[in-house]
Amino acid sequence: MPRQQQAATRPPRRRSYDQFCAAARSLDSVGDRWTLLIVRELLAGPRRYTDLHADLPGVSTDVLASRLKDMEQNGLATRRRLPPPAAASVYELTERGRGLLPVLSALAEWGAPALDERRPTDAVRAHWFALPLLRVLDGMTHAGVVEVRLDEGEFHVRAGGGAPGAGGDTADVDGGAGEPSVDAAVYGDGPAAHADARIALDVEACLALGRGELTLAEAVGNGRAEVTGDGPLAAELRGE
């Protein structure tokens, strides 16, 4: 009786470039599809799995679970249980994971010219525009929380303080898991519990600010942005 030929098995997936190079080592951890976008979401603070899945349209549940597991193993994220009555688990970035903020900011700056036109298939979330605004708002002398209102929704970011996430006493950014996020969170989805200033503008003006084609003072002066608030941060944003 002829022996049955065994089906060829695929070799296990390589998880390392095996190169003694800092860039290669970095890509070993964050080079997989979706990983950096998960980091983008977690920079807003602790997130439930269901919230992450909702704000990452196109990712399958299996891939999301696999990437989160990899991020835990690579020391980029941790999972913890919220105290009652929430009774839910959330994912959050470790200090090493939060160190990817400059990487994402640089990628956002590099990729900004590709946003000249929105494709019909493009999903959008308001807080995805936080990264381009961080560089603009970080230059403020006064620190605080700025609530940003677009037609697509609202988000809030830290302003001033010399570096993203280093805001003053009033800079409490709310995480997406229904509780204040860790101090290192630099932006959050939705309106702020307390905002030192509010900016209303459209996506085109927001992108122009991020690309350096427009200053905030120019946007306010020509009516492309409106700043409200009574404190020193709001006055500085208005150019007063």
Protein backbone atom coordinates (compact mmCIF):
# COMPACT_ATOMS: atom_id res chain seq x y z
CA MET A 1 0.00 0.00 0.00
CA PRO A 2 1.57 3.29 -1.02
CA ARG A 3 2.48 5.63 1.82
CA GLN A 4 0.40 8.74 2.02
CA GLN A 5 2.38 11.88 1.51
CA GLN A 6 2.13 14.21 4.47
CA ALA A 7 0.94 17.72 3.76
CA ALA A 8 3.73 20.24 3.88
CA THR A 9 3.65 22.31 7.04
CA ARG A 10 4.40 25.99 6.93
CA PRO A 11 7.42 27.06 8.94
CA PRO A 12 6.64 29.13 12.05
CA ARG A 13 6.49 32.82 11.44
CA ARG A 14 9.73 34.64 12.15
CA ARG A 15 9.23 37.29 14.79
CA SER A 16 12.64 38.90 14.45
CA TYR A 17 14.75 40.32 11.66
CA ASP A 18 17.78 38.92 13.50
CA GLN A 19 19.79 42.02 12.76
CA PHE A 20 22.01 43.80 15.28
CA CYS A 21 20.43 47.15 14.39
CA ALA A 22 18.29 49.48 16.52
CA ALA A 23 15.81 50.08 13.69
CA ALA A 24 15.42 46.35 13.08
CA ARG A 25 14.97 45.67 16.80
CA SER A 26 12.29 48.37 16.93
CA LEU A 27 10.46 46.85 13.99
CA ASP A 28 10.58 43.47 15.71
CA SER A 29 8.23 45.03 18.29
CA VAL A 30 6.12 47.52 16.32
CA GLY A 31 6.53 46.56 12.66
CA ASP A 32 3.42 44.38 12.43
CA ARG A 33 0.31 45.80 10.78
CA TRP A 34 -2.00 47.57 13.29
CA THR A 35 0.49 47.73 16.17
CA LEU A 36 1.31 51.45 15.88
CA LEU A 37 -2.36 52.28 15.37
CA ILE A 38 -3.15 50.46 18.61
CA VAL A 39 -0.46 52.61 20.24
CA ARG A 40 -2.17 55.68 18.78
CA GLU A 41 -5.41 54.68 20.50
CA LEU A 42 -3.75 53.86 23.83
CA LEU A 43 -1.94 57.21 23.93
CA ALA A 44 -5.39 58.53 24.86
CA GLY A 45 -5.27 56.47 28.04
CA PRO A 46 -6.68 53.11 29.17
CA ARG A 47 -9.06 51.49 26.67
CA ARG A 48 -11.35 48.49 26.81
CA TYR A 49 -10.93 45.84 24.13
CA THR A 50 -14.35 46.66 22.68
CA ASP A 51 -13.49 50.37 22.50
CA LEU A 52 -10.22 49.60 20.73
CA HIS A 53 -12.01 47.41 18.22
CA ALA A 54 -14.62 50.11 17.57
CA ASP A 55 -11.96 52.76 16.88
CA LEU A 56 -9.82 50.53 14.66
CA PRO A 57 -12.22 49.86 11.77
CA GLY A 58 -10.96 47.08 9.56
CA VAL A 59 -9.08 45.05 12.17
CA SER A 60 -10.41 41.58 12.93
CA THR A 61 -10.96 40.48 16.51
CA ASP A 62 -8.34 37.74 16.13
CA VAL A 63 -5.68 40.13 14.84
CA LEU A 64 -6.43 42.72 17.52
CA ALA A 65 -6.18 40.11 20.28
CA SER A 66 -2.91 38.81 18.79
CA ARG A 67 -1.38 42.28 18.54
CA LEU A 68 -2.36 43.16 22.11
CA LYS A 69 -0.82 39.92 23.35
CA ASP A 70 2.38 40.69 21.43
CA MET A 71 2.44 44.21 22.89
CA GLU A 72 2.15 42.79 26.40
CA GLN A 73 4.96 40.32 25.75
CA ASN A 74 7.16 43.09 24.31
CA GLY A 75 6.57 45.36 27.30
CA LEU A 76 4.63 47.99 25.36
CA ALA A 77 1.24 47.54 27.05
CA THR A 78 -0.34 46.01 30.12
CA ARG A 79 -3.83 44.84 30.97
CA ARG A 80 -5.49 45.52 34.29
CA ARG A 81 -8.89 45.09 35.87
CA LEU A 82 -10.90 48.18 36.75
CA PRO A 83 -12.34 48.30 40.27
CA PRO A 84 -16.10 47.90 40.80
CA PRO A 85 -18.56 48.91 39.59
CA ALA A 86 -16.78 48.95 36.21
CA ALA A 87 -15.70 45.28 36.44
CA ALA A 88 -13.93 45.45 33.08
CA SER A 89 -10.36 45.01 31.88
CA VAL A 90 -8.50 47.79 30.11
CA TYR A 91 -5.27 47.97 28.17
CA GLU A 92 -2.79 50.78 28.72
CA LEU A 93 0.68 51.67 27.55
CA THR A 94 3.76 51.11 29.66
CA GLU A 95 6.44 53.78 29.91
CA ARG A 96 8.19 52.11 26.98
CA GLY A 97 4.99 52.13 24.97
CA ARG A 98 4.38 55.80 25.71
CA GLY A 99 7.88 56.46 24.40
CA LEU A 100 6.47 55.82 20.92
CA LEU A 101 4.67 59.18 20.93
CA PRO A 102 7.52 60.97 19.06
CA VAL A 103 7.57 58.10 16.56
CA LEU A 104 3.86 58.48 15.81
CA SER A 105 4.15 62.28 15.73
CA ALA A 106 6.95 62.00 13.17
CA LEU A 107 4.94 59.51 11.11
CA ALA A 108 1.91 61.82 11.22
CA GLU A 109 4.04 64.74 10.04
CA TRP A 110 5.61 62.65 7.28
CA GLY A 111 2.25 61.31 6.13
CA ALA A 112 0.34 64.59 6.30
CA PRO A 113 0.79 65.42 2.57
CA ALA A 114 -1.07 62.19 1.73
CA LEU A 115 -4.23 63.62 3.34
CA ASP A 116 -4.89 66.08 0.52
CA GLU A 117 -8.12 64.26 -0.29
CA ARG A 118 -10.33 61.96 1.73
CA ARG A 119 -11.15 58.73 -0.10
CA PRO A 120 -14.74 57.40 -0.04
CA THR A 121 -13.55 54.30 1.83
CA ASP A 122 -11.67 56.25 4.53
CA ALA A 123 -12.94 55.89 8.08
CA VAL A 124 -12.39 58.86 10.39
CA ARG A 125 -12.44 59.54 14.11
CA ALA A 126 -12.08 63.03 15.54
CA HIS A 127 -9.28 62.11 17.96
CA TRP A 128 -7.10 60.93 15.06
CA PHE A 129 -6.40 64.63 14.46
CA ALA A 130 -4.87 65.06 17.90
CA LEU A 131 -1.36 64.08 16.79
CA PRO A 132 -1.00 66.86 14.18
CA LEU A 133 -2.20 69.43 16.73
CA LEU A 134 0.14 68.36 19.52
CA ARG A 135 3.16 70.09 17.99
CA VAL A 136 1.15 73.29 17.52
CA LEU A 137 -0.23 73.38 21.05
CA ASP A 138 2.94 72.22 22.76
CA GLY A 139 4.53 75.57 22.00
CA MET A 140 2.09 77.40 24.27
CA THR A 141 3.53 79.25 27.27
CA HIS A 142 0.53 78.35 29.44
CA ALA A 143 -0.30 74.71 30.13
CA GLY A 144 -3.76 73.22 30.26
CA VAL A 145 -6.38 71.15 28.47
CA VAL A 146 -7.75 72.28 25.13
CA GLU A 147 -11.03 70.86 23.87
CA VAL A 148 -11.16 70.66 20.08
CA ARG A 149 -14.43 70.53 18.18
CA LEU A 150 -14.57 69.31 14.58
CA ASP A 151 -17.57 68.41 12.46
CA GLU A 152 -16.48 64.79 12.96
CA GLY A 153 -16.62 65.04 16.76
CA GLU A 154 -14.67 66.28 19.78
CA PHE A 155 -11.39 65.42 21.46
CA HIS A 156 -9.13 67.10 23.98
CA VAL A 157 -5.38 67.50 24.24
CA ARG A 158 -2.76 68.81 26.63
CA ALA A 159 -1.17 72.10 25.66
CA GLY A 160 2.09 73.66 26.81
CA GLY A 161 4.36 72.36 29.54
CA GLY A 162 7.38 71.89 27.27
CA ALA A 163 6.48 68.39 26.09
CA PRO A 164 3.31 66.44 25.28
CA GLY A 165 1.92 65.00 28.47
CA ALA A 166 3.73 67.42 30.77
CA GLY A 167 0.89 69.81 31.37
CA GLY A 168 0.21 71.75 34.54
CA ASP A 169 -2.12 71.10 37.43
CA THR A 170 -5.27 71.54 35.36
CA ALA A 171 -4.19 69.18 32.59
CA ASP A 172 -6.29 66.13 33.45
CA VAL A 173 -6.91 64.27 30.23
CA ASP A 174 -9.76 61.79 30.44
CA GLY A 175 -9.11 58.30 29.13
CA GLY A 176 -11.48 56.34 26.93
CA ALA A 177 -12.33 53.83 29.65
CA GLY A 178 -14.56 56.15 31.65
CA GLU A 179 -11.95 57.17 34.22
CA PRO A 180 -9.17 59.75 34.33
CA SER A 181 -6.19 58.37 32.48
CA VAL A 182 -2.64 58.27 33.73
CA ASP A 183 -0.77 61.55 33.74
CA ALA A 184 1.17 60.52 30.63
CA ALA A 185 -1.96 60.48 28.45
CA VAL A 186 -1.65 63.37 26.03
CA TYR A 187 -5.09 63.38 24.48
CA GLY A 188 -8.51 61.88 24.91
CA ASP A 189 -11.63 61.16 22.89
CA GLY A 190 -14.74 63.26 23.47
CA PRO A 191 -15.18 66.49 25.44
CA ALA A 192 -12.96 67.22 28.43
CA ALA A 193 -14.28 67.07 31.99
CA HIS A 194 -12.58 70.43 32.45
CA ALA A 195 -11.22 72.49 29.56
CA ASP A 196 -9.04 75.57 29.94
CA ALA A 197 -9.84 76.57 26.34
CA ARG A 198 -11.97 75.36 23.46
CA ILE A 199 -11.20 75.49 19.74
CA ALA A 200 -13.77 74.98 16.98
CA LEU A 201 -12.48 74.47 13.44
CA ASP A 202 -12.84 72.21 10.43
CA VAL A 203 -10.62 69.32 9.37
CA GLU A 204 -8.95 71.29 6.57
CA ALA A 205 -7.84 74.01 9.00
CA CYS A 206 -6.70 71.40 11.50
CA LEU A 207 -4.55 69.67 8.89
CA ALA A 208 -3.15 73.00 7.68
CA LEU A 209 -2.12 73.80 11.25
CA GLY A 210 -0.42 70.43 11.59
CA ARG A 211 1.45 70.90 8.30
CA GLY A 212 2.64 74.36 9.32
CA GLU A 213 0.78 76.02 6.46
CA LEU A 214 -1.32 78.05 8.91
CA THR A 215 -0.72 79.44 12.37
CA LEU A 216 -3.42 79.39 15.01
CA ALA A 217 -3.38 83.19 15.19
CA GLU A 218 -3.97 83.32 11.42
CA ALA A 219 -6.76 80.75 11.67
CA VAL A 220 -8.48 82.79 14.39
CA GLY A 221 -7.91 86.06 12.53
CA ASN A 222 -9.44 84.85 9.25
CA GLY A 223 -12.33 83.05 10.91
CA ARG A 224 -11.17 79.50 10.20
CA ALA A 225 -10.95 78.78 13.94
CA GLU A 226 -12.79 80.06 17.00
CA VAL A 227 -11.24 80.00 20.47
CA THR A 228 -13.38 80.36 23.59
CA GLY A 229 -12.40 80.51 27.25
CA ASP A 230 -11.47 83.15 29.83
CA GLY A 231 -8.12 81.95 31.15
CA PRO A 232 -4.56 82.76 30.10
CA LEU A 233 -4.28 79.70 27.83
CA ALA A 234 -7.36 80.73 25.85
CA ALA A 235 -6.04 84.28 25.55
CA GLU A 236 -2.69 83.00 24.29
CA LEU A 237 -4.42 80.76 21.73
CA ARG A 238 -6.30 83.81 20.46
CA GLY A 239 -3.01 85.68 20.14
CA GLU A 240 -3.88 88.23 22.83
